[in-house]
Amino acid sequence: NRGWELEGSVRRGALALNGALSLVDSRVLQTARGYTGDLRAGDRMLEVPARTASLGAIWFGAQWSAALTASRAFDWTNYDRLRLAQAYTSNAHEARELVGAPLRAYWRTYDGVTHLRASVARDVVAGFGIVLAGDNLLDRQRGEPDDATVLPGRTLSLGVRARF
C-alpha cells in the first residue's frame, strides 16, 4: 500500500469546515507459490478505492448545532457480481470455470456513490438533548461495493443524547 492522506479543518465563529482526501495505490506484489486465484503481481487489490474524499460543515448555535457531510469513494475494481451470478445460474459454465484465473473476466471498475448525511441537535436541559439525523439522503442503494449489494436507503433517526 502506498498513498497520501490529507485532512484539514477550519473554524470561524460558529461555523466549522472540514475535509479529507486519501489517495491509495494498493497492489499485489507477488502471489504465493501454488496460488490459483485471480490476482496477479501488479494488480490493484480488489475493493480498495483509489481515492476517497469527504467535506463537512457544522454550525454551532447557543443550544443547537447542525451538520452536513458529503463523502465518496472513487475508482476501485471488484467483481461484476450480477454477471457472475448469471453465469453461475445459467448452467452455461461449470463451477470450476468460475474460480481462479477465469474470474478476471468478471472484474469491473466502480466509480462509487456520493453519501450525504445531515444532523440537527438541540440541548433541552443541561446534559440532555435531542438529535435528528438523516443518512443516505440521496437515497442511493446500488453501486457500492459492487453491483449486487443493496445499501440501506434513506434513513432518518431521532434520538436522545446524554452528557455526563
Protein backbone atom coordinates (compact mmCIF):
# COMPACT_ATOMS: atom_id res chain seq x y z
CA ASN A 1 0.00 0.00 0.00
CA ARG A 2 1.18 3.45 -0.87
CA GLY A 3 -0.69 6.67 -0.61
CA TRP A 4 -1.37 10.03 0.84
CA GLU A 5 -3.98 11.27 3.23
CA LEU A 6 -4.74 14.95 3.55
CA GLU A 7 -7.02 16.35 6.18
CA GLY A 8 -7.90 19.87 7.18
CA SER A 9 -10.34 21.85 9.24
CA VAL A 10 -11.04 25.45 10.00
CA ARG A 11 -13.40 27.18 12.38
CA ARG A 12 -14.58 30.74 12.10
CA GLY A 13 -17.05 31.76 14.74
CA ALA A 14 -19.98 29.38 14.75
CA LEU A 15 -19.01 27.63 11.51
CA ALA A 16 -16.55 24.75 11.25
CA LEU A 17 -15.49 23.22 7.93
CA ASN A 18 -13.54 20.00 7.49
CA GLY A 19 -12.36 17.93 4.60
CA ALA A 20 -10.30 14.85 3.89
CA LEU A 21 -8.79 13.26 0.81
CA SER A 22 -6.93 9.98 0.54
CA LEU A 23 -5.08 8.66 -2.48
CA VAL A 24 -4.13 4.98 -2.38
CA ASP A 25 -2.28 2.61 -4.67
CA SER A 26 -2.70 -0.87 -3.23
CA ARG A 27 -1.13 -3.52 -5.45
CA VAL A 28 -0.29 -7.20 -5.29
CA LEU A 29 3.49 -7.50 -5.00
CA GLN A 30 3.61 -11.25 -5.50
CA THR A 31 1.46 -14.31 -5.06
CA ALA A 32 2.32 -17.43 -3.11
CA ARG A 33 3.66 -20.45 -4.92
CA GLY A 34 0.72 -22.66 -5.82
CA TYR A 35 -1.78 -19.76 -5.66
CA THR A 36 -4.61 -20.45 -8.09
CA GLY A 37 -6.69 -17.31 -7.58
CA ASP A 38 -7.43 -14.49 -9.99
CA LEU A 39 -4.93 -11.90 -8.74
CA ARG A 40 -1.51 -11.44 -10.36
CA ALA A 41 1.54 -9.46 -9.35
CA GLY A 42 0.96 -5.81 -10.25
CA ASP A 43 -2.86 -5.99 -9.99
CA ARG A 44 -4.68 -3.44 -7.89
CA MET A 45 -6.23 -5.06 -4.84
CA LEU A 46 -9.92 -5.73 -5.26
CA GLU A 47 -12.38 -3.49 -3.39
CA VAL A 48 -9.76 -0.85 -2.47
CA PRO A 49 -10.76 2.64 -3.68
CA ALA A 50 -8.01 4.66 -5.32
CA ARG A 51 -9.48 7.86 -3.82
CA THR A 52 -11.82 8.79 -1.01
CA ALA A 53 -12.99 12.28 -0.16
CA SER A 54 -15.24 13.97 2.36
CA LEU A 55 -16.35 17.51 3.03
CA GLY A 56 -18.31 18.62 6.05
CA ALA A 57 -19.72 21.71 7.71
CA ILE A 58 -21.00 22.21 11.26
CA TRP A 59 -22.86 25.25 12.55
CA PHE A 60 -22.83 25.73 16.31
CA GLY A 61 -25.60 27.76 17.94
CA ALA A 62 -26.13 28.57 21.62
CA GLN A 63 -28.04 25.36 22.36
CA TRP A 64 -28.09 23.68 18.99
CA SER A 65 -25.91 22.52 16.15
CA ALA A 66 -26.40 21.42 12.56
CA ALA A 67 -24.05 19.36 10.42
CA LEU A 68 -23.86 18.34 6.77
CA THR A 69 -21.32 15.88 5.38
CA ALA A 70 -20.73 14.56 1.87
CA SER A 71 -18.38 11.64 1.24
CA ARG A 72 -17.42 9.46 -1.68
CA ALA A 73 -15.06 6.62 -2.55
CA PHE A 74 -13.82 6.59 -6.16
CA ASP A 75 -12.35 4.10 -8.59
CA TRP A 76 -11.98 0.53 -7.39
CA THR A 77 -12.10 -2.87 -9.02
CA ASN A 78 -14.43 -5.58 -7.82
CA TYR A 79 -16.41 -8.43 -9.31
CA ASP A 80 -19.37 -7.81 -11.57
CA ARG A 81 -21.49 -9.90 -9.26
CA LEU A 82 -24.60 -9.76 -11.44
CA ARG A 83 -22.75 -11.16 -14.47
CA LEU A 84 -21.04 -13.72 -12.27
CA ALA A 85 -24.36 -14.86 -10.76
CA GLN A 86 -25.89 -15.01 -14.22
CA ALA A 87 -23.01 -17.16 -15.49
CA TYR A 88 -23.28 -19.45 -12.48
CA THR A 89 -27.05 -19.93 -12.66
CA SER A 90 -27.32 -20.22 -16.45
CA ASN A 91 -25.58 -23.61 -16.48
CA ALA A 92 -23.52 -22.29 -19.41
CA HIS A 93 -20.39 -22.74 -17.29
CA GLU A 94 -19.24 -25.45 -14.97
CA ALA A 95 -18.47 -24.32 -11.43
CA ARG A 96 -14.73 -24.90 -11.93
CA GLU A 97 -14.79 -22.33 -14.75
CA LEU A 98 -15.84 -19.65 -12.27
CA VAL A 99 -12.91 -19.89 -9.86
CA GLY A 100 -9.29 -18.82 -10.11
CA ALA A 101 -7.94 -17.01 -13.17
CA PRO A 102 -11.25 -17.12 -15.17
CA LEU A 103 -12.76 -14.77 -12.57
CA ARG A 104 -10.71 -11.93 -14.09
CA ALA A 105 -13.29 -11.84 -16.88
CA TYR A 106 -15.82 -10.74 -14.27
CA TRP A 107 -13.85 -7.80 -12.90
CA ARG A 108 -15.22 -4.32 -13.41
CA THR A 109 -14.39 -0.81 -12.27
CA TYR A 110 -16.76 1.00 -9.94
CA ASP A 111 -16.86 4.76 -9.53
CA GLY A 112 -18.75 4.89 -6.25
CA VAL A 113 -21.70 6.65 -4.74
CA THR A 114 -21.86 10.03 -3.04
CA HIS A 115 -23.18 9.79 0.50
CA LEU A 116 -24.91 12.75 2.11
CA ARG A 117 -25.58 12.95 5.85
CA ALA A 118 -27.20 15.71 7.87
CA SER A 119 -27.99 16.13 11.54
CA VAL A 120 -29.50 18.70 13.88
CA ALA A 121 -29.03 18.60 17.64
CA ARG A 122 -30.72 20.69 20.31
CA ASP A 123 -29.92 20.84 24.00
CA VAL A 124 -33.15 20.56 26.00
CA VAL A 125 -31.86 20.73 29.57
CA ALA A 126 -28.34 20.62 30.99
CA GLY A 127 -26.71 17.37 29.84
CA PHE A 128 -29.63 16.18 27.71
CA GLY A 129 -30.63 16.91 24.15
CA ILE A 130 -32.35 15.55 21.10
CA VAL A 131 -30.75 14.65 17.78
CA LEU A 132 -32.39 14.27 14.38
CA ALA A 133 -30.12 12.66 11.78
CA GLY A 134 -30.56 11.64 8.17
CA ASP A 135 -28.25 9.20 6.38
CA ASN A 136 -28.06 8.41 2.67
CA LEU A 137 -30.15 11.49 1.93
CA LEU A 138 -29.65 11.00 -1.82
CA ASP A 139 -31.23 7.53 -1.41
CA ARG A 140 -28.57 5.72 -3.46
CA GLN A 141 -28.84 2.00 -2.84
CA ARG A 142 -26.66 0.43 -5.53
CA GLY A 143 -23.15 0.72 -6.91
CA GLU A 144 -21.09 0.13 -3.79
CA PRO A 145 -19.12 -2.03 -3.11
CA ASP A 146 -20.43 -3.93 -6.15
CA ASP A 147 -23.47 -4.13 -8.40
CA ALA A 148 -25.36 -6.71 -6.32
CA THR A 149 -25.13 -5.26 -2.82
CA VAL A 150 -28.14 -3.22 -1.75
CA LEU A 151 -27.28 -0.39 0.63
CA PRO A 152 -29.71 0.86 3.26
CA GLY A 153 -31.97 3.52 1.79
CA ARG A 154 -32.61 6.98 3.14
CA THR A 155 -32.70 6.68 6.92
CA LEU A 156 -33.99 9.20 9.44
CA SER A 157 -33.44 8.74 13.14
CA LEU A 158 -34.45 10.64 16.25
CA GLY A 159 -32.54 10.15 19.45
CA VAL A 160 -31.76 11.43 22.88
CA ARG A 161 -28.23 12.49 23.81
CA ALA A 162 -26.95 12.50 27.36
CA ARG A 163 -23.68 14.04 28.53
CA PHE A 164 -22.21 13.23 31.90
